[in-house]
Amino acid sequence: MTEPLHHRMYLTAYDTAAQSLFDRPRTGFLLRAAVLTELAIRGHLTEIEGVAAVAAAGSTGDSVLDKALNDVGEYRRSWKAWLRYDRKETLEAVEDQLAALGVLTIEEKEKSSFGLGSKRQLTVTDPVAAQALQDRASAILHAGDSAERVDPADAALVALAAAGGIRAVLSRKDGRDHKDRIEALTDRLGDIAPGLEKAVHSLRVTMIAAQGGMGGS
């Protein structure tokens, strides 16, 4: 079975050289978008009057997806609002899933000598596989085929990597040189839910607004 989009998104956002996420807050946003996209692709989410809505209730077999699906069923919110919602919790839940699968190891470390708080030390057990995912996303970005021929989940992965500025997938120059390609891949989300497409198109601005800047993790 193909790995769900939110798992692939996490590994794509993992910096194999630094052995950590490229940017933790941004990854939270990207995972929220990946979760919503996965649910929409599977037919569990739809759009009614521009707002995310449940199309098929019931368990997806994935606790992260189930949590998001249940939340959408309880509250009426825009796609953009759902992208911002529960980001830290979603990030940690995905990490717990990957750890349970043996894809990731998690070690809780104290942030300071005073023992105030803790920080997760995260190590991908197969960095070669993570690098392969990043290389594949980069190859899709640079490919000359029509965006319409790209699998929707693959198109979403590249679109989100571009929105987040994941340098393992694309450089700043790539972002400029392949702007039309990125736009076309993001547009593929419109086939699933126009509001989701719009939210991803503006995701970079959403992240800036929420974080007060794009630096740091």
N, C-alpha and C. Protein backbone atom coordinates (compact mmCIF):
# COMPACT_ATOMS: atom_id res chain seq x y z
N MET A 1 0.84 -1.20 0.00
CA MET A 1 0.00 0.00 0.00
C MET A 1 0.88 1.26 0.00
N THR A 2 0.51 2.24 -0.79
CA THR A 2 1.26 3.49 -0.86
C THR A 2 1.21 4.22 0.47
N GLU A 3 2.35 4.77 0.87
CA GLU A 3 2.40 5.51 2.12
C GLU A 3 1.47 6.71 2.04
N PRO A 4 0.73 7.02 3.12
CA PRO A 4 -0.16 8.17 3.09
C PRO A 4 0.62 9.47 2.92
N LEU A 5 -0.03 10.44 2.39
CA LEU A 5 0.62 11.70 2.04
C LEU A 5 1.26 12.37 3.25
N HIS A 6 0.60 12.31 4.42
CA HIS A 6 1.18 12.99 5.58
C HIS A 6 2.47 12.33 6.05
N HIS A 7 2.63 11.02 5.84
CA HIS A 7 3.89 10.37 6.16
C HIS A 7 4.98 10.78 5.17
N ARG A 8 4.64 10.80 3.91
CA ARG A 8 5.61 11.22 2.89
C ARG A 8 5.99 12.69 3.06
N MET A 9 5.03 13.49 3.47
CA MET A 9 5.31 14.91 3.67
C MET A 9 6.31 15.09 4.81
N TYR A 10 6.14 14.35 5.87
CA TYR A 10 7.05 14.46 7.00
C TYR A 10 8.48 14.10 6.58
N LEU A 11 8.62 12.99 5.89
CA LEU A 11 9.95 12.54 5.47
C LEU A 11 10.56 13.48 4.44
N THR A 12 9.73 14.10 3.63
CA THR A 12 10.22 15.08 2.66
C THR A 12 10.74 16.31 3.39
N ALA A 13 10.14 16.64 4.51
CA ALA A 13 10.54 17.81 5.29
C ALA A 13 11.71 17.54 6.22
N TYR A 14 12.18 16.30 6.26
CA TYR A 14 13.27 15.93 7.18
C TYR A 14 14.62 16.22 6.53
N ASP A 15 15.44 16.97 7.21
CA ASP A 15 16.78 17.30 6.74
C ASP A 15 17.71 16.16 7.13
N THR A 16 18.09 15.34 6.16
CA THR A 16 18.89 14.15 6.46
C THR A 16 20.30 14.51 6.93
N ALA A 17 20.81 15.65 6.49
CA ALA A 17 22.16 16.05 6.92
C ALA A 17 22.15 16.52 8.37
N ALA A 18 21.17 17.33 8.71
CA ALA A 18 21.07 17.87 10.07
C ALA A 18 20.41 16.90 11.04
N GLN A 19 19.78 15.86 10.50
CA GLN A 19 19.03 14.88 11.29
C GLN A 19 17.94 15.54 12.13
N SER A 20 17.18 16.39 11.48
CA SER A 20 16.05 17.06 12.13
C SER A 20 15.16 17.62 11.04
N LEU A 21 13.97 18.06 11.42
CA LEU A 21 13.08 18.70 10.45
C LEU A 21 13.70 20.00 9.97
N PHE A 22 13.43 20.35 8.72
CA PHE A 22 14.00 21.58 8.17
C PHE A 22 13.46 22.81 8.90
N ASP A 23 12.22 22.73 9.37
CA ASP A 23 11.59 23.80 10.14
C ASP A 23 10.34 23.22 10.78
N ARG A 24 10.34 23.15 12.10
CA ARG A 24 9.26 22.45 12.78
C ARG A 24 7.91 23.16 12.64
N PRO A 25 7.79 24.46 12.88
CA PRO A 25 6.48 25.11 12.72
C PRO A 25 5.92 24.98 11.31
N ARG A 26 6.78 25.18 10.31
CA ARG A 26 6.30 25.07 8.94
C ARG A 26 5.86 23.64 8.62
N THR A 27 6.58 22.67 9.16
CA THR A 27 6.20 21.28 8.91
C THR A 27 4.81 20.99 9.47
N GLY A 28 4.46 21.61 10.60
CA GLY A 28 3.12 21.45 11.14
C GLY A 28 2.05 21.90 10.15
N PHE A 29 2.26 23.03 9.52
CA PHE A 29 1.34 23.51 8.50
C PHE A 29 1.27 22.54 7.32
N LEU A 30 2.43 22.10 6.86
CA LEU A 30 2.46 21.20 5.70
C LEU A 30 1.78 19.88 5.99
N LEU A 31 1.92 19.39 7.22
CA LEU A 31 1.24 18.14 7.57
C LEU A 31 -0.27 18.31 7.64
N ARG A 32 -0.72 19.46 8.15
CA ARG A 32 -2.17 19.71 8.17
C ARG A 32 -2.71 19.69 6.73
N ALA A 33 -2.01 20.35 5.84
CA ALA A 33 -2.44 20.37 4.44
C ALA A 33 -2.41 18.97 3.84
N ALA A 34 -1.39 18.20 4.18
CA ALA A 34 -1.28 16.84 3.66
C ALA A 34 -2.41 15.95 4.17
N VAL A 35 -2.76 16.11 5.44
CA VAL A 35 -3.85 15.32 6.03
C VAL A 35 -5.17 15.63 5.34
N LEU A 36 -5.47 16.91 5.16
CA LEU A 36 -6.72 17.31 4.50
C LEU A 36 -6.75 16.81 3.05
N THR A 37 -5.61 16.91 2.38
CA THR A 37 -5.53 16.46 0.99
C THR A 37 -5.73 14.95 0.90
N GLU A 38 -5.10 14.21 1.80
CA GLU A 38 -5.25 12.75 1.81
C GLU A 38 -6.72 12.37 2.02
N LEU A 39 -7.39 13.04 2.95
CA LEU A 39 -8.80 12.75 3.19
C LEU A 39 -9.66 13.08 1.96
N ALA A 40 -9.34 14.17 1.29
CA ALA A 40 -10.10 14.55 0.10
C ALA A 40 -9.86 13.56 -1.04
N ILE A 41 -8.60 13.15 -1.23
CA ILE A 41 -8.29 12.18 -2.28
C ILE A 41 -9.00 10.86 -2.04
N ARG A 42 -9.08 10.45 -0.77
CA ARG A 42 -9.74 9.19 -0.44
C ARG A 42 -11.26 9.28 -0.50
N GLY A 43 -11.78 10.48 -0.69
CA GLY A 43 -13.22 10.66 -0.78
C GLY A 43 -13.92 10.88 0.54
N HIS A 44 -13.17 11.12 1.60
CA HIS A 44 -13.77 11.36 2.92
C HIS A 44 -14.16 12.82 3.13
N LEU A 45 -13.48 13.72 2.45
CA LEU A 45 -13.81 15.14 2.55
C LEU A 45 -14.25 15.67 1.20
N THR A 46 -15.17 16.62 1.24
CA THR A 46 -15.62 17.30 0.04
C THR A 46 -15.73 18.79 0.38
N GLU A 47 -16.37 19.52 -0.49
CA GLU A 47 -16.52 20.95 -0.28
C GLU A 47 -17.96 21.36 -0.53
N ILE A 48 -18.53 22.09 0.40
CA ILE A 48 -19.89 22.60 0.25
C ILE A 48 -19.85 24.10 0.48
N GLU A 49 -20.20 24.84 -0.55
CA GLU A 49 -20.20 26.31 -0.49
C GLU A 49 -18.85 26.85 -0.02
N GLY A 50 -17.79 26.25 -0.54
CA GLY A 50 -16.44 26.72 -0.24
C GLY A 50 -15.87 26.29 1.08
N VAL A 51 -16.63 25.49 1.83
CA VAL A 51 -16.20 25.06 3.16
C VAL A 51 -15.98 23.55 3.17
N ALA A 52 -14.95 23.11 3.90
CA ALA A 52 -14.68 21.68 4.01
C ALA A 52 -15.84 20.97 4.69
N ALA A 53 -16.19 19.79 4.18
CA ALA A 53 -17.31 19.04 4.73
C ALA A 53 -17.03 17.54 4.59
N VAL A 54 -17.61 16.77 5.49
CA VAL A 54 -17.43 15.32 5.46
C VAL A 54 -18.29 14.71 4.34
N ALA A 55 -17.65 13.90 3.50
CA ALA A 55 -18.37 13.21 2.44
C ALA A 55 -18.62 11.76 2.81
N ALA A 56 -17.71 11.19 3.56
CA ALA A 56 -17.85 9.79 3.99
C ALA A 56 -17.28 9.66 5.40
N ALA A 57 -18.14 9.45 6.37
CA ALA A 57 -17.71 9.31 7.76
C ALA A 57 -17.21 7.88 8.00
N GLY A 58 -16.74 7.64 9.21
CA GLY A 58 -16.24 6.31 9.55
C GLY A 58 -14.73 6.28 9.59
N SER A 59 -14.20 5.21 10.13
CA SER A 59 -12.76 5.10 10.32
C SER A 59 -12.03 4.94 9.00
N THR A 60 -10.89 5.61 8.90
CA THR A 60 -10.03 5.50 7.73
C THR A 60 -8.95 4.46 7.95
N GLY A 61 -8.82 4.00 9.19
CA GLY A 61 -7.74 3.09 9.52
C GLY A 61 -6.47 3.82 9.92
N ASP A 62 -6.56 5.14 10.02
CA ASP A 62 -5.39 5.97 10.37
C ASP A 62 -5.86 6.96 11.43
N SER A 63 -5.25 6.91 12.60
CA SER A 63 -5.72 7.74 13.72
C SER A 63 -5.60 9.23 13.46
N VAL A 64 -4.57 9.65 12.74
CA VAL A 64 -4.41 11.08 12.43
C VAL A 64 -5.51 11.54 11.48
N LEU A 65 -5.78 10.75 10.46
CA LEU A 65 -6.85 11.08 9.53
C LEU A 65 -8.21 11.06 10.23
N ASP A 66 -8.43 10.06 11.08
CA ASP A 66 -9.71 9.95 11.79
C ASP A 66 -9.96 11.18 12.67
N LYS A 67 -8.92 11.65 13.35
CA LYS A 67 -9.07 12.83 14.21
C LYS A 67 -9.47 14.04 13.38
N ALA A 68 -8.80 14.26 12.27
CA ALA A 68 -9.12 15.41 11.42
C ALA A 68 -10.53 15.28 10.84
N LEU A 69 -10.89 14.08 10.42
CA LEU A 69 -12.21 13.87 9.84
C LEU A 69 -13.30 14.13 10.87
N ASN A 70 -13.11 13.66 12.09
CA ASN A 70 -14.09 13.90 13.14
C ASN A 70 -14.22 15.39 13.45
N ASP A 71 -13.09 16.10 13.47
CA ASP A 71 -13.12 17.54 13.73
C ASP A 71 -13.91 18.29 12.66
N VAL A 72 -13.67 17.94 11.40
CA VAL A 72 -14.40 18.60 10.31
C VAL A 72 -15.89 18.30 10.43
N GLY A 73 -16.24 17.12 10.90
CA GLY A 73 -17.64 16.77 11.06
C GLY A 73 -18.33 17.54 12.17
N GLU A 74 -17.56 18.04 13.12
CA GLU A 74 -18.14 18.75 14.27
C GLU A 74 -18.22 20.25 14.09
N TYR A 75 -17.34 20.81 13.28
CA TYR A 75 -17.28 22.27 13.15
C TYR A 75 -17.29 22.67 11.68
N ARG A 76 -17.92 23.81 11.42
CA ARG A 76 -17.94 24.34 10.06
C ARG A 76 -16.85 25.42 9.95
N ARG A 77 -15.81 25.10 9.21
CA ARG A 77 -14.69 26.03 9.06
C ARG A 77 -14.17 25.99 7.63
N SER A 78 -13.46 27.03 7.26
CA SER A 78 -12.86 27.09 5.93
C SER A 78 -11.66 26.15 5.85
N TRP A 79 -11.24 25.84 4.62
CA TRP A 79 -10.04 25.04 4.44
C TRP A 79 -8.84 25.73 5.10
N LYS A 80 -8.75 27.02 4.92
CA LYS A 80 -7.64 27.77 5.50
C LYS A 80 -7.62 27.64 7.02
N ALA A 81 -8.79 27.69 7.64
CA ALA A 81 -8.86 27.55 9.10
C ALA A 81 -8.41 26.15 9.52
N TRP A 82 -8.77 25.13 8.75
CA TRP A 82 -8.35 23.77 9.09
C TRP A 82 -6.86 23.58 8.89
N LEU A 83 -6.27 24.32 7.96
CA LEU A 83 -4.81 24.24 7.78
C LEU A 83 -4.08 24.76 9.02
N ARG A 84 -4.67 25.74 9.67
CA ARG A 84 -4.04 26.34 10.85
C ARG A 84 -4.34 25.57 12.13
N TYR A 85 -5.38 24.77 12.11
CA TYR A 85 -5.89 24.13 13.33
C TYR A 85 -5.03 22.95 13.78
N ASP A 86 -4.77 22.85 15.08
CA ASP A 86 -4.20 21.64 15.68
C ASP A 86 -2.86 21.24 15.06
N ARG A 87 -2.05 22.22 14.68
CA ARG A 87 -0.83 21.92 13.94
C ARG A 87 0.20 21.16 14.77
N LYS A 88 0.45 21.64 15.98
CA LYS A 88 1.46 21.00 16.82
C LYS A 88 1.04 19.58 17.18
N GLU A 89 -0.25 19.41 17.52
CA GLU A 89 -0.75 18.09 17.89
C GLU A 89 -0.67 17.12 16.69
N THR A 90 -0.99 17.63 15.51
CA THR A 90 -0.92 16.79 14.31
C THR A 90 0.51 16.37 14.04
N LEU A 91 1.44 17.31 14.18
CA LEU A 91 2.85 17.02 13.96
C LEU A 91 3.34 15.91 14.89
N GLU A 92 3.03 16.04 16.16
CA GLU A 92 3.48 15.04 17.13
C GLU A 92 2.78 13.70 16.92
N ALA A 93 1.52 13.74 16.51
CA ALA A 93 0.79 12.49 16.25
C ALA A 93 1.39 11.74 15.05
N VAL A 94 1.77 12.47 14.02
CA VAL A 94 2.42 11.84 12.86
C VAL A 94 3.77 11.26 13.27
N GLU A 95 4.51 11.99 14.09
CA GLU A 95 5.79 11.47 14.58
C GLU A 95 5.59 10.18 15.37
N ASP A 96 4.56 10.14 16.19
CA ASP A 96 4.28 8.93 16.97
C ASP A 96 3.92 7.76 16.05
N GLN A 97 3.16 8.06 14.99
CA GLN A 97 2.83 7.01 14.02
C GLN A 97 4.09 6.45 13.37
N LEU A 98 4.96 7.35 12.92
CA LEU A 98 6.19 6.92 12.24
C LEU A 98 7.10 6.16 13.19
N ALA A 99 7.11 6.57 14.46
CA ALA A 99 7.91 5.85 15.45
C ALA A 99 7.37 4.44 15.65
N ALA A 100 6.04 4.31 15.70
CA ALA A 100 5.42 2.99 15.87
C ALA A 100 5.72 2.07 14.69
N LEU A 101 5.89 2.68 13.52
CA LEU A 101 6.21 1.91 12.31
C LEU A 101 7.70 1.62 12.17
N GLY A 102 8.49 2.18 13.08
CA GLY A 102 9.93 1.97 13.03
C GLY A 102 10.64 2.86 12.03
N VAL A 103 9.93 3.87 11.52
CA VAL A 103 10.50 4.79 10.55
C VAL A 103 11.28 5.91 11.24
N LEU A 104 10.92 6.16 12.49
CA LEU A 104 11.48 7.28 13.23
C LEU A 104 11.77 6.85 14.66
N THR A 105 12.84 7.36 15.23
CA THR A 105 13.08 7.17 16.66
C THR A 105 12.94 8.52 17.35
N ILE A 106 12.33 8.51 18.53
CA ILE A 106 12.07 9.74 19.28
C ILE A 106 12.72 9.64 20.65
N GLU A 107 13.48 10.67 20.98
CA GLU A 107 14.09 10.76 22.30
C GLU A 107 13.77 12.12 22.89
N GLU A 108 13.17 12.12 24.05
CA GLU A 108 12.84 13.37 24.73
C GLU A 108 14.05 13.87 25.50
N LYS A 109 14.48 15.09 25.20
CA LYS A 109 15.64 15.67 25.88
C LYS A 109 15.25 16.98 26.55
N GLU A 110 15.85 17.23 27.70
CA GLU A 110 15.59 18.48 28.39
C GLU A 110 16.17 19.64 27.59
N LYS A 111 15.42 20.77 27.57
CA LYS A 111 15.87 21.93 26.81
C LYS A 111 17.03 22.66 27.49
N SER A 112 17.09 22.60 28.81
CA SER A 112 18.12 23.34 29.52
C SER A 112 18.60 22.56 30.72
N SER A 113 19.70 23.02 31.32
CA SER A 113 20.25 22.36 32.50
C SER A 113 19.33 22.49 33.70
N PHE A 114 18.37 23.43 33.61
CA PHE A 114 17.41 23.62 34.70
C PHE A 114 16.22 22.67 34.58
N GLY A 115 16.19 21.91 33.49
CA GLY A 115 15.12 20.94 33.30
C GLY A 115 13.79 21.55 32.94
N LEU A 116 13.82 22.74 32.33
CA LEU A 116 12.57 23.41 31.96
C LEU A 116 12.13 22.93 30.58
N GLY A 117 11.11 22.09 30.56
CA GLY A 117 10.58 21.62 29.29
C GLY A 117 11.45 20.53 28.68
N SER A 118 11.03 20.05 27.53
CA SER A 118 11.80 19.03 26.84
C SER A 118 11.71 19.25 25.33
N LYS A 119 12.65 18.67 24.62
CA LYS A 119 12.70 18.80 23.18
C LYS A 119 12.82 17.41 22.58
N ARG A 120 12.07 17.18 21.50
CA ARG A 120 12.13 15.88 20.85
C ARG A 120 13.37 15.78 19.95
N GLN A 121 14.17 14.75 20.18
CA GLN A 121 15.27 14.43 19.27
C GLN A 121 14.74 13.38 18.32
N LEU A 122 14.70 13.69 17.03
CA LEU A 122 14.04 12.85 16.04
C LEU A 122 15.06 12.34 15.03
N THR A 123 15.07 11.04 14.83
CA THR A 123 16.02 10.46 13.89
C THR A 123 15.29 9.51 12.95
N VAL A 124 15.38 9.79 11.67
CA VAL A 124 14.81 8.88 10.67
C VAL A 124 15.71 7.67 10.56
N THR A 125 15.15 6.49 10.66
CA THR A 125 15.95 5.27 10.69
C THR A 125 16.54 4.91 9.33
N ASP A 126 15.91 5.40 8.26
CA ASP A 126 16.41 5.12 6.91
C ASP A 126 16.51 6.43 6.14
N PRO A 127 17.59 7.20 6.36
CA PRO A 127 17.73 8.49 5.69
C PRO A 127 17.83 8.36 4.17
N VAL A 128 18.29 7.22 3.69
CA VAL A 128 18.38 7.00 2.24
C VAL A 128 16.98 7.02 1.63
N ALA A 129 16.02 6.40 2.32
CA ALA A 129 14.65 6.38 1.83
C ALA A 129 14.05 7.78 1.85
N ALA A 130 14.34 8.55 2.90
CA ALA A 130 13.85 9.93 2.97
C ALA A 130 14.44 10.75 1.84
N GLN A 131 15.73 10.57 1.59
CA GLN A 131 16.38 11.30 0.51
C GLN A 131 15.78 10.91 -0.84
N ALA A 132 15.42 9.64 -0.99
CA ALA A 132 14.81 9.19 -2.24
C ALA A 132 13.46 9.88 -2.47
N LEU A 133 12.68 10.07 -1.41
CA LEU A 133 11.41 10.78 -1.52
C LEU A 133 11.64 12.22 -1.97
N GLN A 134 12.63 12.87 -1.37
CA GLN A 134 12.95 14.25 -1.73
C GLN A 134 13.42 14.34 -3.18
N ASP A 135 14.24 13.40 -3.58
CA ASP A 135 14.73 13.39 -4.97
C ASP A 135 13.60 13.18 -5.96
N ARG A 136 12.66 12.32 -5.58
CA ARG A 136 11.52 12.06 -6.47
C ARG A 136 10.65 13.30 -6.61
N ALA A 137 10.42 14.00 -5.49
CA ALA A 137 9.64 15.24 -5.54
C ALA A 137 10.33 16.27 -6.42
N SER A 138 11.66 16.36 -6.28
CA SER A 138 12.41 17.30 -7.10
C SER A 138 12.32 16.92 -8.58
N ALA A 139 12.36 15.62 -8.86
CA ALA A 139 12.26 15.16 -10.25
C ALA A 139 10.90 15.50 -10.85
N ILE A 140 9.85 15.38 -10.06
CA ILE A 140 8.51 15.75 -10.54
C ILE A 140 8.45 17.23 -10.86
N LEU A 141 9.08 18.04 -10.01
CA LEU A 141 9.11 19.48 -10.26
C LEU A 141 9.80 19.80 -11.58
N HIS A 142 10.89 19.11 -11.86
CA HIS A 142 11.69 19.41 -13.04
C HIS A 142 11.24 18.67 -14.29
N ALA A 143 10.28 17.76 -14.15
CA ALA A 143 9.83 16.97 -15.30
C ALA A 143 9.14 17.85 -16.34
N GLY A 144 9.17 17.38 -17.57
CA GLY A 144 8.56 18.17 -18.65
C GLY A 144 7.15 17.73 -19.01
N ASP A 145 6.61 16.73 -18.31
CA ASP A 145 5.27 16.26 -18.64
C ASP A 145 4.21 17.23 -18.11
N SER A 146 3.01 17.09 -18.61
CA SER A 146 1.91 17.94 -18.17
C SER A 146 1.58 17.66 -16.71
N ALA A 147 1.26 18.71 -15.97
CA ALA A 147 0.87 18.56 -14.57
C ALA A 147 -0.38 17.69 -14.46
N GLU A 148 -1.20 17.68 -15.47
CA GLU A 148 -2.43 16.88 -15.46
C GLU A 148 -2.14 15.39 -15.39
N ARG A 149 -0.93 14.99 -15.77
CA ARG A 149 -0.57 13.58 -15.78
C ARG A 149 0.07 13.13 -14.47
N VAL A 150 0.32 14.08 -13.59
CA VAL A 150 0.94 13.76 -12.31
C VAL A 150 -0.12 13.27 -11.33
N ASP A 151 0.19 12.22 -10.59
CA ASP A 151 -0.73 11.71 -9.57
C ASP A 151 -1.09 12.85 -8.61
N PRO A 152 -2.37 12.99 -8.22
CA PRO A 152 -2.77 14.10 -7.35
C PRO A 152 -1.98 14.19 -6.05
N ALA A 153 -1.70 13.06 -5.43
CA ALA A 153 -0.93 13.09 -4.18
C ALA A 153 0.49 13.55 -4.42
N ASP A 154 1.10 13.11 -5.53
CA ASP A 154 2.44 13.56 -5.88
C ASP A 154 2.45 15.05 -6.18
N ALA A 155 1.43 15.51 -6.90
CA ALA A 155 1.33 16.93 -7.22
C ALA A 155 1.21 17.75 -5.94
N ALA A 156 0.40 17.26 -5.00
CA ALA A 156 0.23 17.96 -3.72
C ALA A 156 1.53 17.99 -2.94
N LEU A 157 2.27 16.90 -2.94
CA LEU A 157 3.54 16.83 -2.21
C LEU A 157 4.52 17.89 -2.70
N VAL A 158 4.64 18.01 -4.01
CA VAL A 158 5.55 19.00 -4.59
C VAL A 158 5.04 20.42 -4.32
N ALA A 159 3.75 20.62 -4.46
CA ALA A 159 3.17 21.94 -4.21
C ALA A 159 3.41 22.37 -2.77
N LEU A 160 3.27 21.45 -1.83
CA LEU A 160 3.47 21.78 -0.42
C LEU A 160 4.95 21.99 -0.12
N ALA A 161 5.81 21.20 -0.73
CA ALA A 161 7.25 21.40 -0.54
C ALA A 161 7.66 22.78 -1.03
N ALA A 162 7.07 23.21 -2.13
CA ALA A 162 7.37 24.54 -2.66
C ALA A 162 6.83 25.63 -1.74
N ALA A 163 5.62 25.44 -1.24
CA ALA A 163 5.02 26.43 -0.33
C ALA A 163 5.84 26.57 0.94
N GLY A 164 6.37 25.45 1.43
CA GLY A 164 7.15 25.47 2.65
C GLY A 164 8.59 25.89 2.46
N GLY A 165 9.05 25.88 1.20
CA GLY A 165 10.43 26.24 0.93
C GLY A 165 11.41 25.16 1.37
N ILE A 166 11.07 23.90 1.11
CA ILE A 166 11.96 22.79 1.49
C ILE A 166 13.11 22.72 0.50
N ARG A 167 14.30 23.10 0.94
CA ARG A 167 15.45 23.20 0.05
C ARG A 167 15.95 21.86 -0.45
N ALA A 168 15.61 20.78 0.23
CA ALA A 168 15.99 19.46 -0.26
C ALA A 168 15.24 19.10 -1.55
N VAL A 169 14.14 19.80 -1.80
CA VAL A 169 13.34 19.57 -3.00
C VAL A 169 13.58 20.63 -4.05
N LEU A 170 13.65 21.87 -3.63
CA LEU A 170 13.84 22.95 -4.59
C LEU A 170 14.61 24.11 -3.96
N SER A 171 15.49 24.69 -4.75
CA SER A 171 16.23 25.87 -4.32
C SER A 171 15.38 27.11 -4.56
N ARG A 172 15.85 28.24 -4.08
CA ARG A 172 15.13 29.49 -4.36
C ARG A 172 15.07 29.74 -5.86
N LYS A 173 16.16 29.42 -6.55
CA LYS A 173 16.19 29.58 -8.00
C LYS A 173 15.16 28.68 -8.67
N ASP A 174 15.06 27.43 -8.18
CA ASP A 174 14.03 26.52 -8.71
C ASP A 174 12.64 27.12 -8.53
N GLY A 175 12.42 27.73 -7.38
CA GLY A 175 11.12 28.34 -7.11
C GLY A 175 10.78 29.42 -8.11
N ARG A 176 11.78 30.18 -8.53
CA ARG A 176 11.55 31.23 -9.52
C ARG A 176 11.44 30.64 -10.93
N ASP A 177 12.37 29.75 -11.26
CA ASP A 177 12.42 29.22 -12.62
C ASP A 177 11.24 28.31 -12.94
N HIS A 178 10.69 27.67 -11.93
CA HIS A 178 9.60 26.70 -12.15
C HIS A 178 8.30 27.17 -11.52
N LYS A 179 8.14 28.47 -11.45
CA LYS A 179 6.93 29.03 -10.84
C LYS A 179 5.67 28.52 -11.52
N ASP A 180 5.66 28.49 -12.85
CA ASP A 180 4.48 28.05 -13.59
C ASP A 180 4.18 26.58 -13.30
N ARG A 181 5.23 25.77 -13.20
CA ARG A 181 5.06 24.34 -12.92
C ARG A 181 4.46 24.16 -11.52
N ILE A 182 4.96 24.92 -10.56
CA ILE A 182 4.44 24.84 -9.19
C ILE A 182 2.96 25.24 -9.16
N GLU A 183 2.64 26.31 -9.88
CA GLU A 183 1.25 26.76 -9.94
C GLU A 183 0.36 25.67 -10.54
N ALA A 184 0.84 25.03 -11.61
CA ALA A 184 0.05 24.00 -12.28
C ALA A 184 -0.15 22.78 -11.39
N LEU A 185 0.88 22.40 -10.64
CA LEU A 185 0.75 21.26 -9.73
C LEU A 185 -0.20 21.58 -8.58
N THR A 186 -0.13 22.81 -8.08
CA THR A 186 -1.05 23.23 -7.03
C THR A 186 -2.48 23.26 -7.54
N ASP A 187 -2.64 23.66 -8.78
CA ASP A 187 -3.98 23.72 -9.39
C ASP A 187 -4.66 22.35 -9.42
N ARG A 188 -3.86 21.27 -9.39
CA ARG A 188 -4.45 19.94 -9.42
C ARG A 188 -5.37 19.70 -8.23
N LEU A 189 -5.09 20.40 -7.12
CA LEU A 189 -5.94 20.26 -5.93
C LEU A 189 -7.35 20.75 -6.20
N GLY A 190 -7.49 21.62 -7.19
CA GLY A 190 -8.81 22.14 -7.53
C GLY A 190 -9.73 21.06 -8.06
N ASP A 191 -9.14 19.98 -8.59
CA ASP A 191 -9.96 18.86 -9.06
C ASP A 191 -10.62 18.14 -7.88
N ILE A 192 -10.01 18.29 -6.70
CA ILE A 192 -10.52 17.63 -5.50
C ILE A 192 -11.44 18.57 -4.72
N ALA A 193 -10.93 19.79 -4.49
CA ALA A 193 -11.69 20.80 -3.74
C ALA A 193 -11.11 22.18 -4.06
N PRO A 194 -11.87 23.02 -4.75
CA PRO A 194 -11.36 24.35 -5.12
C PRO A 194 -10.89 25.18 -3.93
N GLY A 195 -11.58 25.06 -2.81
CA GLY A 195 -11.19 25.82 -1.62
C GLY A 195 -9.86 25.36 -1.06
N LEU A 196 -9.59 24.06 -1.16
CA LEU A 196 -8.32 23.51 -0.71
C LEU A 196 -7.19 24.03 -1.59
N GLU A 197 -7.43 24.04 -2.88
CA GLU A 197 -6.43 24.59 -3.82
C GLU A 197 -6.10 26.04 -3.46
N LYS A 198 -7.11 26.82 -3.23
CA LYS A 198 -6.91 28.24 -2.89
C LYS A 198 -6.12 28.38 -1.59
N ALA A 199 -6.43 27.53 -0.61
CA ALA A 199 -5.75 27.60 0.68
C ALA A 199 -4.27 27.25 0.54
N VAL A 200 -3.96 26.27 -0.31
CA VAL A 200 -2.57 25.88 -0.51
C VAL A 200 -1.83 26.94 -1.31
N HIS A 201 -2.50 27.55 -2.27
CA HIS A 201 -1.88 28.64 -3.04
C HIS A 201 -1.44 29.77 -2.11
N SER A 202 -2.20 30.01 -1.06
CA SER A 202 -1.88 31.11 -0.14
C SER A 202 -1.20 30.62 1.14
N LEU A 203 -0.75 29.36 1.15
CA LEU A 203 -0.20 28.78 2.37
C LEU A 203 1.04 29.51 2.86
N ARG A 204 1.88 29.92 1.96
CA ARG A 204 3.10 30.61 2.39
C ARG A 204 2.76 31.89 3.15
N VAL A 205 1.78 32.64 2.65
CA VAL A 205 1.35 33.86 3.33
C VAL A 205 0.72 33.51 4.68
N THR A 206 -0.05 32.43 4.71
CA THR A 206 -0.68 31.99 5.95
C THR A 206 0.37 31.67 7.01
N MET A 207 1.44 31.00 6.60
CA MET A 207 2.51 30.66 7.53
C MET A 207 3.21 31.90 8.05
N ILE A 208 3.45 32.84 7.18
CA ILE A 208 4.11 34.08 7.59
C ILE A 208 3.25 34.81 8.61
N ALA A 209 1.95 34.90 8.33
CA ALA A 209 1.04 35.59 9.23
C ALA A 209 0.96 34.92 10.59
N ALA A 210 0.97 33.58 10.60
CA ALA A 210 0.84 32.84 11.84
C ALA A 210 2.11 32.86 12.68
N GLN A 211 3.25 32.89 12.00
CA GLN A 211 4.52 32.78 12.70
C GLN A 211 5.21 34.13 12.92
N GLY A 212 4.73 35.16 12.26
CA GLY A 212 5.41 36.44 12.36
C GLY A 212 6.75 36.41 11.67
N GLY A 213 6.86 35.61 10.61
CA GLY A 213 8.12 35.45 9.88
C GLY A 213 8.36 33.98 9.60
N MET A 214 9.27 33.71 8.70
CA MET A 214 9.50 32.33 8.26
C MET A 214 10.76 31.71 8.83
N GLY A 215 11.49 32.42 9.63
CA GLY A 215 12.73 31.86 10.12
C GLY A 215 12.55 30.99 11.33
N GLY A 216 13.54 30.16 11.56
CA GLY A 216 13.59 29.40 12.80
C GLY A 216 12.72 28.18 12.81
N SER A 217 12.93 27.36 13.83
CA SER A 217 12.15 26.13 13.99
C SER A 217 11.68 26.00 15.43
